[in-house]
Amino acid sequence: MVIFISIRRGAEPAVAAPVTSSLSVEVVQARRQLWPQLLYASGALAPWQEAVINAETGNLRIASLEADVGSRVNKGQLLATLASDSVLAEERKQVALVAQAVANLEQARSNDRRAKVVGQGGALSEQQREDYRIKVALAEADLAGARAELQSTRIRLRQTRIVAVDDGIVSARTALLGKVVAAGDELFRLVRDGRIEWQAELDARQLAQVQAGQVARLTLPGGQSVEGRVRLVSPTLNTKTSRALVYISLPSDSPAQAGMYASGQIELPAREALTVPDTAVILRDGRSYVFTLNDDMHVVQRPVTVGRRLHQAVEILGGLEEPARIVRAGGAFLNDGASVTVVQSQVAQP
């Protein structure tokens, strides 16, 4: 059996449909800006300095307490008193001994004057006259000793008043009413001036970039943000952790409290950065990419190395050549080589 196939002459071949863009995109160019360098750190909050107030005299009972934990005190303010009855009695005794020593000295001087007059007539030997002069010297020494004992007793009497050694906030109190204290017992502990500081921990590489006076910002556990300044950079590193402390002074009226743990950042001098909008960077398979636009309106997926992030922008450390047109947003919907249509940007470039 023969099969005949009819062919129509003049039939036109089918025309390929025009290729449409897969996505309309906005494009921007990378910009160079001066950005502050930030060092991220964490560390404990601790008093700037503490003052320990001890009992300077012993074997006395605490008679009253005038301050408690949290009290804000001024230098010289009364914190507690010790029972002073026995010391007052000792003072009166020493006053009487001083008066007795004064009287003995006057008697010795009077005898010496009479011996001098009698001795001029030859009635006393030189040895006897020397004895009177020695008695005057001994009486003077006794008076000086009595006055020193009186001064010592009065110092002990003043020490029965426990006072603040500086302005600050009472952070601890071990003094108990009625307790008999010994000399050297700790009674109170103060945070000097009420100042708290942040002790940020840094490694050796970070530490080399920090200097006194630099601004630091930290976030407290309650979410409050506090600004401070670097006061001191530790000259040594901990041999066990290989980290060092940077001491950052905080305002005295900040909500920071000793014992808190905070994280934050230290601002270093500004450095030039090549930046793109953060929406231009996409993450695929654990790597960062941007899409650049070629003259033929096709995009190219380029791997980049990113650095700092600031104000909705990202620093590009490598992988991007200038000048290049970069897709601002929507890279997650693009593939390498996709055709796009460019629309005018309605958002100011960061």
C-alpha atoms as a PDB file:
ATOM      1  CA  MET A   1       0.000   0.000   0.000  1.00  0.00           C
ATOM      2  CA  VAL A   2       1.294   3.395  -0.979  1.00  0.00           C
ATOM      3  CA  ILE A   3       0.728   6.417   1.246  1.00  0.00           C
ATOM      4  CA  PHE A   4       0.782   9.906  -0.277  1.00  0.00           C
ATOM      5  CA  ILE A   5       1.803  12.897   1.884  1.00  0.00           C
ATOM      6  CA  SER A   6       0.525  16.336   0.868  1.00  0.00           C
ATOM      7  CA  ILE A   7       2.802  19.280   1.457  1.00  0.00           C
ATOM      8  CA  ARG A   8       1.402  22.869   1.360  1.00  0.00           C
ATOM      9  CA  ARG A   9       3.691  25.182  -0.430  1.00  0.00           C
ATOM     10  CA  GLY A  10       4.187  28.664   0.850  1.00  0.00           C
ATOM     11  CA  ALA A  11       3.618  27.851   4.503  1.00  0.00           C
ATOM     12  CA  GLU A  12       5.605  30.233   6.737  1.00  0.00           C
ATOM     13  CA  PRO A  13       7.709  28.822   9.599  1.00  0.00           C
ATOM     14  CA  ALA A  14       6.478  29.602  13.116  1.00  0.00           C
ATOM     15  CA  VAL A  15       7.970  32.752  14.676  1.00  0.00           C
ATOM     16  CA  ALA A  16       9.451  32.344  18.179  1.00  0.00           C
ATOM     17  CA  ALA A  17       7.571  34.214  20.883  1.00  0.00           C
ATOM     18  CA  PRO A  18       9.454  37.202  22.300  1.00  0.00           C
ATOM     19  CA  VAL A  19      11.347  36.489  25.559  1.00  0.00           C
ATOM     20  CA  THR A  20       9.859  38.341  28.498  1.00  0.00           C
ATOM     21  CA  SER A  21      11.793  39.512  31.531  1.00  0.00           C
ATOM     22  CA  SER A  22      11.522  37.282  34.580  1.00  0.00           C
ATOM     23  CA  LEU A  23      11.503  40.188  37.036  1.00  0.00           C
ATOM     24  CA  SER A  24      11.503  43.977  37.203  1.00  0.00           C
ATOM     25  CA  VAL A  25      14.334  45.172  39.426  1.00  0.00           C
ATOM     26  CA  GLU A  26      15.912  48.332  40.770  1.00  0.00           C
ATOM     27  CA  VAL A  27      19.651  48.756  40.475  1.00  0.00           C
ATOM     28  CA  VAL A  28      22.136  50.717  42.569  1.00  0.00           C
ATOM     29  CA  GLN A  29      25.878  51.156  42.686  1.00  0.00           C
ATOM     30  CA  ALA A  30      28.166  50.372  45.589  1.00  0.00           C
ATOM     31  CA  ARG A  31      29.203  53.448  47.564  1.00  0.00           C
ATOM     32  CA  ARG A  32      32.320  54.279  49.567  1.00  0.00           C
ATOM     33  CA  GLN A  33      31.557  55.717  52.991  1.00  0.00           C
ATOM     34  CA  LEU A  34      33.425  56.434  56.215  1.00  0.00           C
ATOM     35  CA  TRP A  35      32.145  53.966  58.768  1.00  0.00           C
ATOM     36  CA  PRO A  36      33.163  53.626  62.427  1.00  0.00           C
ATOM     37  CA  GLN A  37      34.832  50.351  63.247  1.00  0.00           C
ATOM     38  CA  LEU A  38      33.080  48.457  66.009  1.00  0.00           C
ATOM     39  CA  LEU A  39      34.526  45.954  68.451  1.00  0.00           C
ATOM     40  CA  TYR A  40      31.893  43.713  69.986  1.00  0.00           C
ATOM     41  CA  ALA A  41      32.503  42.553  73.527  1.00  0.00           C
ATOM     42  CA  SER A  42      30.808  41.415  76.695  1.00  0.00           C
ATOM     43  CA  GLY A  43      31.728  41.598  80.333  1.00  0.00           C
ATOM     44  CA  ALA A  44      30.620  42.212  83.888  1.00  0.00           C
ATOM     45  CA  LEU A  45      29.572  45.456  85.546  1.00  0.00           C
ATOM     46  CA  ALA A  46      31.513  46.240  88.706  1.00  0.00           C
ATOM     47  CA  PRO A  47      32.174  49.217  91.007  1.00  0.00           C
ATOM     48  CA  TRP A  48      34.737  51.711  89.751  1.00  0.00           C
ATOM     49  CA  GLN A  49      36.372  51.510  93.171  1.00  0.00           C
ATOM     50  CA  GLU A  50      35.243  50.180  96.536  1.00  0.00           C
ATOM     51  CA  ALA A  51      35.981  51.621  99.967  1.00  0.00           C
ATOM     52  CA  VAL A  52      36.125  49.317 102.996  1.00  0.00           C
ATOM     53  CA  ILE A  53      35.286  50.801 106.394  1.00  0.00           C
ATOM     54  CA  ASN A  54      36.740  48.857 109.319  1.00  0.00           C
ATOM     55  CA  ALA A  55      36.642  49.271 113.067  1.00  0.00           C
ATOM     56  CA  GLU A  56      39.817  51.061 114.149  1.00  0.00           C
ATOM     57  CA  THR A  57      39.390  50.243 117.796  1.00  0.00           C
ATOM     58  CA  GLY A  58      38.316  46.973 119.396  1.00  0.00           C
ATOM     59  CA  ASN A  59      36.472  45.356 122.303  1.00  0.00           C
ATOM     60  CA  LEU A  60      33.598  47.814 122.019  1.00  0.00           C
ATOM     61  CA  ARG A  61      29.908  47.153 121.357  1.00  0.00           C
ATOM     62  CA  ILE A  62      28.064  48.614 118.342  1.00  0.00           C
ATOM     63  CA  ALA A  63      25.626  51.045 119.974  1.00  0.00           C
ATOM     64  CA  SER A  64      23.782  52.376 116.902  1.00  0.00           C
ATOM     65  CA  LEU A  65      23.544  51.989 113.138  1.00  0.00           C
ATOM     66  CA  GLU A  66      22.916  55.073 111.035  1.00  0.00           C
ATOM     67  CA  ALA A  67      23.164  53.653 107.464  1.00  0.00           C
ATOM     68  CA  ASP A  68      22.142  50.527 105.595  1.00  0.00           C
ATOM     69  CA  VAL A  69      22.758  48.859 102.237  1.00  0.00           C
ATOM     70  CA  GLY A  70      21.770  51.227  99.440  1.00  0.00           C
ATOM     71  CA  SER A  71      22.214  54.398 101.488  1.00  0.00           C
ATOM     72  CA  ARG A  72      23.913  57.224  99.613  1.00  0.00           C
ATOM     73  CA  VAL A  73      26.377  58.853 102.009  1.00  0.00           C
ATOM     74  CA  ASN A  74      28.808  61.752 101.993  1.00  0.00           C
ATOM     75  CA  LYS A  75      32.377  61.809 103.196  1.00  0.00           C
ATOM     76  CA  GLY A  76      32.474  62.143 106.996  1.00  0.00           C
ATOM     77  CA  GLN A  77      28.820  61.125 107.458  1.00  0.00           C
ATOM     78  CA  LEU A  78      28.094  59.034 110.547  1.00  0.00           C
ATOM     79  CA  LEU A  79      27.413  55.365 109.742  1.00  0.00           C
ATOM     80  CA  ALA A  80      27.507  53.765 113.218  1.00  0.00           C
ATOM     81  CA  THR A  81      28.629  54.410 116.774  1.00  0.00           C
ATOM     82  CA  LEU A  82      30.427  52.219 119.286  1.00  0.00           C
ATOM     83  CA  ALA A  83      29.670  52.278 123.013  1.00  0.00           C
ATOM     84  CA  SER A  84      32.042  54.912 124.416  1.00  0.00           C
ATOM     85  CA  ASP A  85      31.434  54.784 128.190  1.00  0.00           C
ATOM     86  CA  SER A  86      34.672  52.936 128.952  1.00  0.00           C
ATOM     87  CA  VAL A  87      36.645  55.225 126.669  1.00  0.00           C
ATOM     88  CA  LEU A  88      35.176  58.336 128.287  1.00  0.00           C
ATOM     89  CA  ALA A  89      36.178  56.990 131.693  1.00  0.00           C
ATOM     90  CA  GLU A  90      39.686  56.353 130.386  1.00  0.00           C
ATOM     91  CA  GLU A  91      39.800  59.920 129.079  1.00  0.00           C
ATOM     92  CA  ARG A  92      38.886  61.339 132.485  1.00  0.00           C
ATOM     93  CA  LYS A  93      41.586  59.221 134.088  1.00  0.00           C
ATOM     94  CA  GLN A  94      44.180  60.475 131.622  1.00  0.00           C
ATOM     95  CA  VAL A  95      43.109  64.079 132.223  1.00  0.00           C
ATOM     96  CA  ALA A  96      43.737  63.548 135.942  1.00  0.00           C
ATOM     97  CA  LEU A  97      47.148  62.011 135.245  1.00  0.00           C
ATOM     98  CA  VAL A  98      48.089  65.013 133.115  1.00  0.00           C
ATOM     99  CA  ALA A  99      47.070  67.350 135.955  1.00  0.00           C
ATOM    100  CA  GLN A 100      49.156  65.303 138.398  1.00  0.00           C
ATOM    101  CA  ALA A 101      52.139  65.422 136.059  1.00  0.00           C
ATOM    102  CA  VAL A 102      51.781  69.190 135.735  1.00  0.00           C
ATOM    103  CA  ALA A 103      51.782  69.541 139.520  1.00  0.00           C
ATOM    104  CA  ASN A 104      54.841  67.309 139.869  1.00  0.00           C
ATOM    105  CA  LEU A 105      56.656  69.360 137.272  1.00  0.00           C
ATOM    106  CA  GLU A 106      55.829  72.610 139.059  1.00  0.00           C
ATOM    107  CA  GLN A 107      57.107  71.135 142.329  1.00  0.00           C
ATOM    108  CA  ALA A 108      60.326  69.946 140.705  1.00  0.00           C
ATOM    109  CA  ARG A 109      60.928  73.352 139.129  1.00  0.00           C
ATOM    110  CA  SER A 110      60.269  75.096 142.449  1.00  0.00           C
ATOM    111  CA  ASN A 111      62.760  72.849 144.236  1.00  0.00           C
ATOM    112  CA  ASP A 112      65.297  73.470 141.516  1.00  0.00           C
ATOM    113  CA  ARG A 113      64.931  77.245 141.853  1.00  0.00           C
ATOM    114  CA  ARG A 114      65.430  77.105 145.648  1.00  0.00           C
ATOM    115  CA  ALA A 115      68.446  74.813 145.250  1.00  0.00           C
ATOM    116  CA  LYS A 116      69.965  77.264 142.838  1.00  0.00           C
ATOM    117  CA  VAL A 117      69.641  80.115 145.369  1.00  0.00           C
ATOM    118  CA  VAL A 118      70.954  78.026 148.278  1.00  0.00           C
ATOM    119  CA  GLY A 119      73.722  76.608 146.166  1.00  0.00           C
ATOM    120  CA  GLN A 120      75.101  80.076 145.502  1.00  0.00           C
ATOM    121  CA  GLY A 121      76.016  80.307 149.226  1.00  0.00           C
ATOM    122  CA  GLY A 122      77.826  76.997 149.073  1.00  0.00           C
ATOM    123  CA  ALA A 123      75.254  75.131 151.206  1.00  0.00           C
ATOM    124  CA  LEU A 124      74.627  72.535 148.469  1.00  0.00           C
ATOM    125  CA  SER A 125      77.111  70.524 146.566  1.00  0.00           C
ATOM    126  CA  GLU A 126      77.125  70.424 142.783  1.00  0.00           C
ATOM    127  CA  GLN A 127      75.871  66.838 142.889  1.00  0.00           C
ATOM    128  CA  GLN A 128      72.794  67.847 144.885  1.00  0.00           C
ATOM    129  CA  ARG A 129      72.025  70.649 142.488  1.00  0.00           C
ATOM    130  CA  GLU A 130      72.355  68.188 139.581  1.00  0.00           C
ATOM    131  CA  ASP A 131      69.821  65.892 141.276  1.00  0.00           C
ATOM    132  CA  TYR A 132      67.239  68.716 141.327  1.00  0.00           C
ATOM    133  CA  ARG A 133      67.787  69.438 137.645  1.00  0.00           C
ATOM    134  CA  ILE A 134      67.346  65.733 136.804  1.00  0.00           C
ATOM    135  CA  LYS A 135      64.054  65.667 138.741  1.00  0.00           C
ATOM    136  CA  VAL A 136      62.792  68.569 136.614  1.00  0.00           C
ATOM    137  CA  ALA A 137      63.669  66.694 133.438  1.00  0.00           C
ATOM    138  CA  LEU A 138      61.952  63.527 134.710  1.00  0.00           C
ATOM    139  CA  ALA A 139      58.833  65.522 135.613  1.00  0.00           C
ATOM    140  CA  GLU A 140      58.775  67.070 132.138  1.00  0.00           C
ATOM    141  CA  ALA A 141      59.056  63.583 130.582  1.00  0.00           C
ATOM    142  CA  ASP A 142      56.227  62.290 132.787  1.00  0.00           C
ATOM    143  CA  LEU A 143      54.014  65.198 131.672  1.00  0.00           C
ATOM    144  CA  ALA A 144      54.773  64.565 128.008  1.00  0.00           C
ATOM    145  CA  GLY A 145      53.922  60.871 128.466  1.00  0.00           C
ATOM    146  CA  ALA A 146      50.651  61.676 130.225  1.00  0.00           C
ATOM    147  CA  ARG A 147      49.647  64.107 127.492  1.00  0.00           C
ATOM    148  CA  ALA A 148      50.452  61.483 124.819  1.00  0.00           C
ATOM    149  CA  GLU A 149      48.288  58.933 126.640  1.00  0.00           C
ATOM    150  CA  LEU A 150      45.476  61.485 126.804  1.00  0.00           C
ATOM    151  CA  GLN A 151      45.795  62.176 123.082  1.00  0.00           C
ATOM    152  CA  SER A 152      45.726  58.438 122.343  1.00  0.00           C
ATOM    153  CA  THR A 153      42.570  58.024 124.414  1.00  0.00           C
ATOM    154  CA  ARG A 154      40.879  60.922 122.640  1.00  0.00           C
ATOM    155  CA  ILE A 155      41.791  59.378 119.260  1.00  0.00           C
ATOM    156  CA  ARG A 156      40.198  56.127 120.410  1.00  0.00           C
ATOM    157  CA  LEU A 157      37.150  58.107 121.511  1.00  0.00           C
ATOM    158  CA  ARG A 158      36.835  59.632 118.024  1.00  0.00           C
ATOM    159  CA  GLN A 159      37.135  56.143 116.557  1.00  0.00           C
ATOM    160  CA  THR A 160      33.913  55.151 118.298  1.00  0.00           C
ATOM    161  CA  ARG A 161      32.190  57.184 115.578  1.00  0.00           C
ATOM    162  CA  ILE A 162      32.276  55.141 112.341  1.00  0.00           C
ATOM    163  CA  VAL A 163      32.123  57.587 109.424  1.00  0.00           C
ATOM    164  CA  ALA A 164      32.183  57.341 105.627  1.00  0.00           C
ATOM    165  CA  VAL A 165      35.674  57.723 104.176  1.00  0.00           C
ATOM    166  CA  ASP A 166      34.308  59.074 100.868  1.00  0.00           C
ATOM    167  CA  ASP A 167      31.112  59.887  99.004  1.00  0.00           C
ATOM    168  CA  GLY A 168      29.364  56.784  97.745  1.00  0.00           C
ATOM    169  CA  ILE A 169      26.661  54.163  98.108  1.00  0.00           C
ATOM    170  CA  VAL A 170      26.698  51.519 100.835  1.00  0.00           C
ATOM    171  CA  SER A 171      26.996  48.201  98.994  1.00  0.00           C
ATOM    172  CA  ALA A 172      27.455  45.901 102.001  1.00  0.00           C
ATOM    173  CA  ARG A 173      26.959  46.038 105.762  1.00  0.00           C
ATOM    174  CA  THR A 174      28.336  43.466 108.183  1.00  0.00           C
ATOM    175  CA  ALA A 175      27.874  45.631 111.272  1.00  0.00           C
ATOM    176  CA  LEU A 176      25.202  44.257 113.634  1.00  0.00           C
ATOM    177  CA  LEU A 177      23.669  46.152 116.524  1.00  0.00           C
ATOM    178  CA  GLY A 178      25.129  44.939 119.817  1.00  0.00           C
ATOM    179  CA  LYS A 179      28.049  43.088 118.262  1.00  0.00           C
ATOM    180  CA  VAL A 180      31.389  43.521 120.020  1.00  0.00           C
ATOM    181  CA  VAL A 181      33.894  44.339 117.317  1.00  0.00           C
ATOM    182  CA  ALA A 182      37.617  43.749 117.126  1.00  0.00           C
ATOM    183  CA  ALA A 183      40.059  46.199 115.619  1.00  0.00           C
ATOM    184  CA  GLY A 184      40.142  45.637 111.863  1.00  0.00           C
ATOM    185  CA  ASP A 185      36.660  44.104 111.537  1.00  0.00           C
ATOM    186  CA  GLU A 186      34.905  45.165 108.316  1.00  0.00           C
ATOM    187  CA  LEU A 187      31.687  47.045 109.056  1.00  0.00           C
ATOM    188  CA  PHE A 188      30.654  48.677 105.760  1.00  0.00           C
ATOM    189  CA  ARG A 189      31.652  48.658 102.104  1.00  0.00           C
ATOM    190  CA  LEU A 190      31.046  51.599  99.754  1.00  0.00           C
ATOM    191  CA  VAL A 191      30.900  52.023  95.981  1.00  0.00           C
ATOM    192  CA  ARG A 192      32.931  55.218  95.675  1.00  0.00           C
ATOM    193  CA  ASP A 193      30.932  58.071  94.113  1.00  0.00           C
ATOM    194  CA  GLY A 194      28.316  55.471  93.193  1.00  0.00           C
ATOM    195  CA  ARG A 195      30.206  54.906  89.933  1.00  0.00           C
ATOM    196  CA  ILE A 196      29.802  51.634  88.053  1.00  0.00           C
ATOM    197  CA  GLU A 197      31.996  50.592  85.131  1.00  0.00           C
ATOM    198  CA  TRP A 198      31.821  47.985  82.396  1.00  0.00           C
ATOM    199  CA  GLN A 199      34.746  45.558  82.336  1.00  0.00           C
ATOM    200  CA  ALA A 200      34.687  44.391  78.717  1.00  0.00           C
ATOM    201  CA  GLU A 201      36.734  41.337  77.771  1.00  0.00           C
ATOM    202  CA  LEU A 202      38.809  41.503  74.560  1.00  0.00           C
ATOM    203  CA  ASP A 203      41.414  39.299  72.934  1.00  0.00           C
ATOM    204  CA  ALA A 204      44.939  40.457  72.064  1.00  0.00           C
ATOM    205  CA  ARG A 205      44.059  41.475  68.488  1.00  0.00           C
ATOM    206  CA  GLN A 206      41.125  43.595  69.639  1.00  0.00           C
ATOM    207  CA  LEU A 207      43.004  45.044  72.596  1.00  0.00           C
ATOM    208  CA  ALA A 208      45.645  46.609  70.341  1.00  0.00           C
ATOM    209  CA  GLN A 209      42.958  48.795  68.711  1.00  0.00           C
ATOM    210  CA  VAL A 210      41.479  50.255  71.894  1.00  0.00           C
ATOM    211  CA  GLN A 211      42.579  53.512  73.492  1.00  0.00           C
ATOM    212  CA  ALA A 212      41.390  55.568  76.455  1.00  0.00           C
ATOM    213  CA  GLY A 213      38.642  58.033  75.584  1.00  0.00           C
ATOM    214  CA  GLN A 214      36.910  55.959  72.904  1.00  0.00           C
ATOM    215  CA  VAL A 215      33.107  55.767  73.033  1.00  0.00           C
ATOM    216  CA  ALA A 216      31.440  52.518  74.053  1.00  0.00           C
ATOM    217  CA  ARG A 217      27.778  51.533  74.025  1.00  0.00           C
ATOM    218  CA  LEU A 218      26.395  48.609  75.938  1.00  0.00           C
ATOM    219  CA  THR A 219      22.999  47.001  76.399  1.00  0.00           C
ATOM    220  CA  LEU A 220      21.907  46.100  79.917  1.00  0.00           C
ATOM    221  CA  PRO A 221      19.933  42.945  80.734  1.00  0.00           C
ATOM    222  CA  GLY A 222      16.758  45.044  80.950  1.00  0.00           C
ATOM    223  CA  GLY A 223      17.257  46.319  77.402  1.00  0.00           C
ATOM    224  CA  GLN A 224      18.443  49.813  78.365  1.00  0.00           C
ATOM    225  CA  SER A 225      21.259  51.285  76.288  1.00  0.00           C
ATOM    226  CA  VAL A 226      24.076  53.109  78.098  1.00  0.00           C
ATOM    227  CA  GLU A 227      26.951  55.107  76.616  1.00  0.00           C
ATOM    228  CA  GLY A 228      30.339  55.301  78.301  1.00  0.00           C
ATOM    229  CA  ARG A 229      33.993  55.971  77.572  1.00  0.00           C
ATOM    230  CA  VAL A 230      37.084  53.831  77.839  1.00  0.00           C
ATOM    231  CA  ARG A 231      38.865  54.771  81.073  1.00  0.00           C
ATOM    232  CA  LEU A 232      41.695  52.280  81.125  1.00  0.00           C
ATOM    233  CA  VAL A 233      43.076  49.481  78.971  1.00  0.00           C
ATOM    234  CA  SER A 234      44.615  46.581  80.863  1.00  0.00           C
ATOM    235  CA  PRO A 235      48.374  46.295  80.183  1.00  0.00           C
ATOM    236  CA  THR A 236      48.362  42.490  80.530  1.00  0.00           C
ATOM    237  CA  LEU A 237      46.295  39.514  79.397  1.00  0.00           C
ATOM    238  CA  ASN A 238      44.991  36.718  81.576  1.00  0.00           C
ATOM    239  CA  THR A 239      47.360  33.784  81.133  1.00  0.00           C
ATOM    240  CA  LYS A 240      44.490  31.272  81.341  1.00  0.00           C
ATOM    241  CA  THR A 241      41.962  32.909  79.005  1.00  0.00           C
ATOM    242  CA  SER A 242      44.327  35.006  76.817  1.00  0.00           C
ATOM    243  CA  ARG A 243      41.907  37.886  77.224  1.00  0.00           C
ATOM    244  CA  ALA A 244      42.234  41.290  78.840  1.00  0.00           C
ATOM    245  CA  LEU A 245      39.862  43.761  80.458  1.00  0.00           C
ATOM    246  CA  VAL A 246      38.982  47.197  79.150  1.00  0.00           C
ATOM    247  CA  TYR A 247      37.512  49.447  81.859  1.00  0.00           C
ATOM    248  CA  ILE A 248      34.695  51.670  80.588  1.00  0.00           C
ATOM    249  CA  SER A 249      33.305  54.434  82.807  1.00  0.00           C
ATOM    250  CA  LEU A 250      29.521  54.831  82.848  1.00  0.00           C
ATOM    251  CA  PRO A 251      27.406  57.845  83.912  1.00  0.00           C
ATOM    252  CA  SER A 252      26.651  57.912  87.630  1.00  0.00           C
ATOM    253  CA  ASP A 253      22.903  58.189  86.945  1.00  0.00           C
ATOM    254  CA  SER A 254      22.764  55.162  84.622  1.00  0.00           C
ATOM    255  CA  PRO A 255      20.593  52.133  85.533  1.00  0.00           C
ATOM    256  CA  ALA A 256      23.699  49.921  85.542  1.00  0.00           C
ATOM    257  CA  GLN A 257      24.223  47.926  88.734  1.00  0.00           C
ATOM    258  CA  ALA A 258      27.204  45.984  89.965  1.00  0.00           C
ATOM    259  CA  GLY A 259      26.891  42.277  89.280  1.00  0.00           C
ATOM    260  CA  MET A 260      25.093  42.657  85.950  1.00  0.00           C
ATOM    261  CA  TYR A 261      26.523  41.164  82.757  1.00  0.00           C
ATOM    262  CA  ALA A 262      26.238  43.205  79.567  1.00  0.00           C
ATOM    263  CA  SER A 263      27.260  43.129  75.915  1.00  0.00           C
ATOM    264  CA  GLY A 264      28.085  46.067  73.702  1.00  0.00           C
ATOM    265  CA  GLN A 265      30.525  47.631  71.301  1.00  0.00           C
ATOM    266  CA  ILE A 266      33.497  49.986  71.345  1.00  0.00           C
ATOM    267  CA  GLU A 267      33.758  52.544  68.539  1.00  0.00           C
ATOM    268  CA  LEU A 268      37.146  52.754  66.833  1.00  0.00           C
ATOM    269  CA  PRO A 269      38.271  55.477  64.382  1.00  0.00           C
ATOM    270  CA  ALA A 270      36.248  55.585  61.149  1.00  0.00           C
ATOM    271  CA  ARG A 271      37.467  53.626  58.137  1.00  0.00           C
ATOM    272  CA  GLU A 272      36.390  53.765  54.480  1.00  0.00           C
ATOM    273  CA  ALA A 273      33.971  51.006  53.510  1.00  0.00           C
ATOM    274  CA  LEU A 274      32.514  49.838  50.166  1.00  0.00           C
ATOM    275  CA  THR A 275      28.806  49.490  50.976  1.00  0.00           C
ATOM    276  CA  VAL A 276      25.627  48.193  49.342  1.00  0.00           C
ATOM    277  CA  PRO A 277      22.043  48.038  50.692  1.00  0.00           C
ATOM    278  CA  ASP A 278      21.558  45.058  52.979  1.00  0.00           C
ATOM    279  CA  THR A 279      18.639  43.908  50.760  1.00  0.00           C
ATOM    280  CA  ALA A 280      21.087  43.413  47.877  1.00  0.00           C
ATOM    281  CA  VAL A 281      22.931  40.617  49.693  1.00  0.00           C
ATOM    282  CA  ILE A 282      21.361  37.160  49.712  1.00  0.00           C
ATOM    283  CA  LEU A 283      22.476  34.023  51.491  1.00  0.00           C
ATOM    284  CA  ARG A 284      22.621  30.732  49.604  1.00  0.00           C
ATOM    285  CA  ASP A 285      24.281  27.537  50.744  1.00  0.00           C
ATOM    286  CA  GLY A 286      26.006  29.384  53.550  1.00  0.00           C
ATOM    287  CA  ARG A 287      27.594  32.012  51.258  1.00  0.00           C
ATOM    288  CA  SER A 288      26.727  35.632  50.513  1.00  0.00           C
ATOM    289  CA  TYR A 289      25.894  36.752  46.964  1.00  0.00           C
ATOM    290  CA  VAL A 290      24.873  39.853  45.027  1.00  0.00           C
ATOM    291  CA  PHE A 291      23.425  40.076  41.520  1.00  0.00           C
ATOM    292  CA  THR A 292      25.101  42.462  39.087  1.00  0.00           C
ATOM    293  CA  LEU A 293      23.477  43.643  35.847  1.00  0.00           C
ATOM    294  CA  ASN A 294      25.227  43.304  32.461  1.00  0.00           C
ATOM    295  CA  ASP A 295      24.667  45.557  29.455  1.00  0.00           C
ATOM    296  CA  ASP A 296      22.477  42.869  27.838  1.00  0.00           C
ATOM    297  CA  MET A 297      20.030  43.148  30.764  1.00  0.00           C
ATOM    298  CA  HIS A 298      20.984  39.792  32.231  1.00  0.00           C
ATOM    299  CA  VAL A 299      22.089  39.360  35.829  1.00  0.00           C
ATOM    300  CA  VAL A 300      25.172  37.567  37.135  1.00  0.00           C
ATOM    301  CA  GLN A 301      25.310  35.990  40.573  1.00  0.00           C
ATOM    302  CA  ARG A 302      28.582  36.949  42.287  1.00  0.00           C
ATOM    303  CA  PRO A 303      29.875  35.584  45.615  1.00  0.00           C
ATOM    304  CA  VAL A 304      31.036  38.366  47.957  1.00  0.00           C
ATOM    305  CA  THR A 305      32.682  38.655  51.355  1.00  0.00           C
ATOM    306  CA  VAL A 306      30.715  40.852  53.748  1.00  0.00           C
ATOM    307  CA  GLY A 307      31.900  42.800  56.786  1.00  0.00           C
ATOM    308  CA  ARG A 308      30.243  45.371  58.988  1.00  0.00           C
ATOM    309  CA  ARG A 309      26.543  46.220  58.956  1.00  0.00           C
ATOM    310  CA  LEU A 310      25.290  49.724  59.694  1.00  0.00           C
ATOM    311  CA  HIS A 311      22.123  51.690  58.925  1.00  0.00           C
ATOM    312  CA  GLN A 312      20.576  49.065  56.594  1.00  0.00           C
ATOM    313  CA  ALA A 313      23.798  48.742  54.621  1.00  0.00           C
ATOM    314  CA  VAL A 314      26.499  46.083  54.398  1.00  0.00           C
ATOM    315  CA  GLU A 315      30.228  46.446  53.877  1.00  0.00           C
ATOM    316  CA  ILE A 316      31.637  44.433  50.962  1.00  0.00           C
ATOM    317  CA  LEU A 317      35.183  43.251  51.650  1.00  0.00           C
ATOM    318  CA  GLY A 318      35.750  41.342  48.408  1.00  0.00           C
ATOM    319  CA  GLY A 319      34.198  39.863  45.292  1.00  0.00           C
ATOM    320  CA  LEU A 320      32.736  43.057  43.830  1.00  0.00           C
ATOM    321  CA  GLU A 321      34.362  45.278  41.198  1.00  0.00           C
ATOM    322  CA  GLU A 322      33.621  48.970  40.817  1.00  0.00           C
ATOM    323  CA  PRO A 323      31.632  50.359  39.167  1.00  0.00           C
ATOM    324  CA  ALA A 324      28.982  47.687  38.996  1.00  0.00           C
ATOM    325  CA  ARG A 325      25.209  47.897  38.818  1.00  0.00           C
ATOM    326  CA  ILE A 326      23.727  45.823  41.623  1.00  0.00           C
ATOM    327  CA  VAL A 327      20.182  44.567  42.028  1.00  0.00           C
ATOM    328  CA  ARG A 328      18.832  46.373  45.096  1.00  0.00           C
ATOM    329  CA  ALA A 329      16.315  43.735  46.219  1.00  0.00           C
ATOM    330  CA  GLY A 330      14.582  40.579  45.150  1.00  0.00           C
ATOM    331  CA  GLY A 331      17.721  38.541  44.557  1.00  0.00           C
ATOM    332  CA  ALA A 332      16.080  35.529  46.184  1.00  0.00           C
ATOM    333  CA  PHE A 333      13.776  35.261  43.149  1.00  0.00           C
ATOM    334  CA  LEU A 334      16.601  35.493  40.581  1.00  0.00           C
ATOM    335  CA  ASN A 335      18.878  32.914  39.014  1.00  0.00           C
ATOM    336  CA  ASP A 336      22.257  33.380  37.417  1.00  0.00           C
ATOM    337  CA  GLY A 337      21.763  34.680  33.829  1.00  0.00           C
ATOM    338  CA  ALA A 338      18.130  35.680  34.255  1.00  0.00           C
ATOM    339  CA  SER A 339      16.791  38.506  32.073  1.00  0.00           C
ATOM    340  CA  VAL A 340      15.386  41.484  33.955  1.00  0.00           C
ATOM    341  CA  THR A 341      13.760  44.822  33.323  1.00  0.00           C
ATOM    342  CA  VAL A 342      15.159  47.840  35.160  1.00  0.00           C
ATOM    343  CA  VAL A 343      12.752  50.217  36.871  1.00  0.00           C
ATOM    344  CA  GLN A 344      13.563  53.529  38.457  1.00  0.00           C
ATOM    345  CA  SER A 345      14.393  53.341  42.149  1.00  0.00           C
ATOM    346  CA  GLN A 346      11.868  54.924  44.521  1.00  0.00           C
ATOM    347  CA  VAL A 347      14.051  54.504  47.637  1.00  0.00           C
ATOM    348  CA  ALA A 348      17.026  56.655  48.583  1.00  0.00           C
ATOM    349  CA  GLN A 349      20.259  54.706  48.588  1.00  0.00           C
ATOM    350  CA  PRO A 350      21.755  54.292  52.065  1.00  0.00           C
END
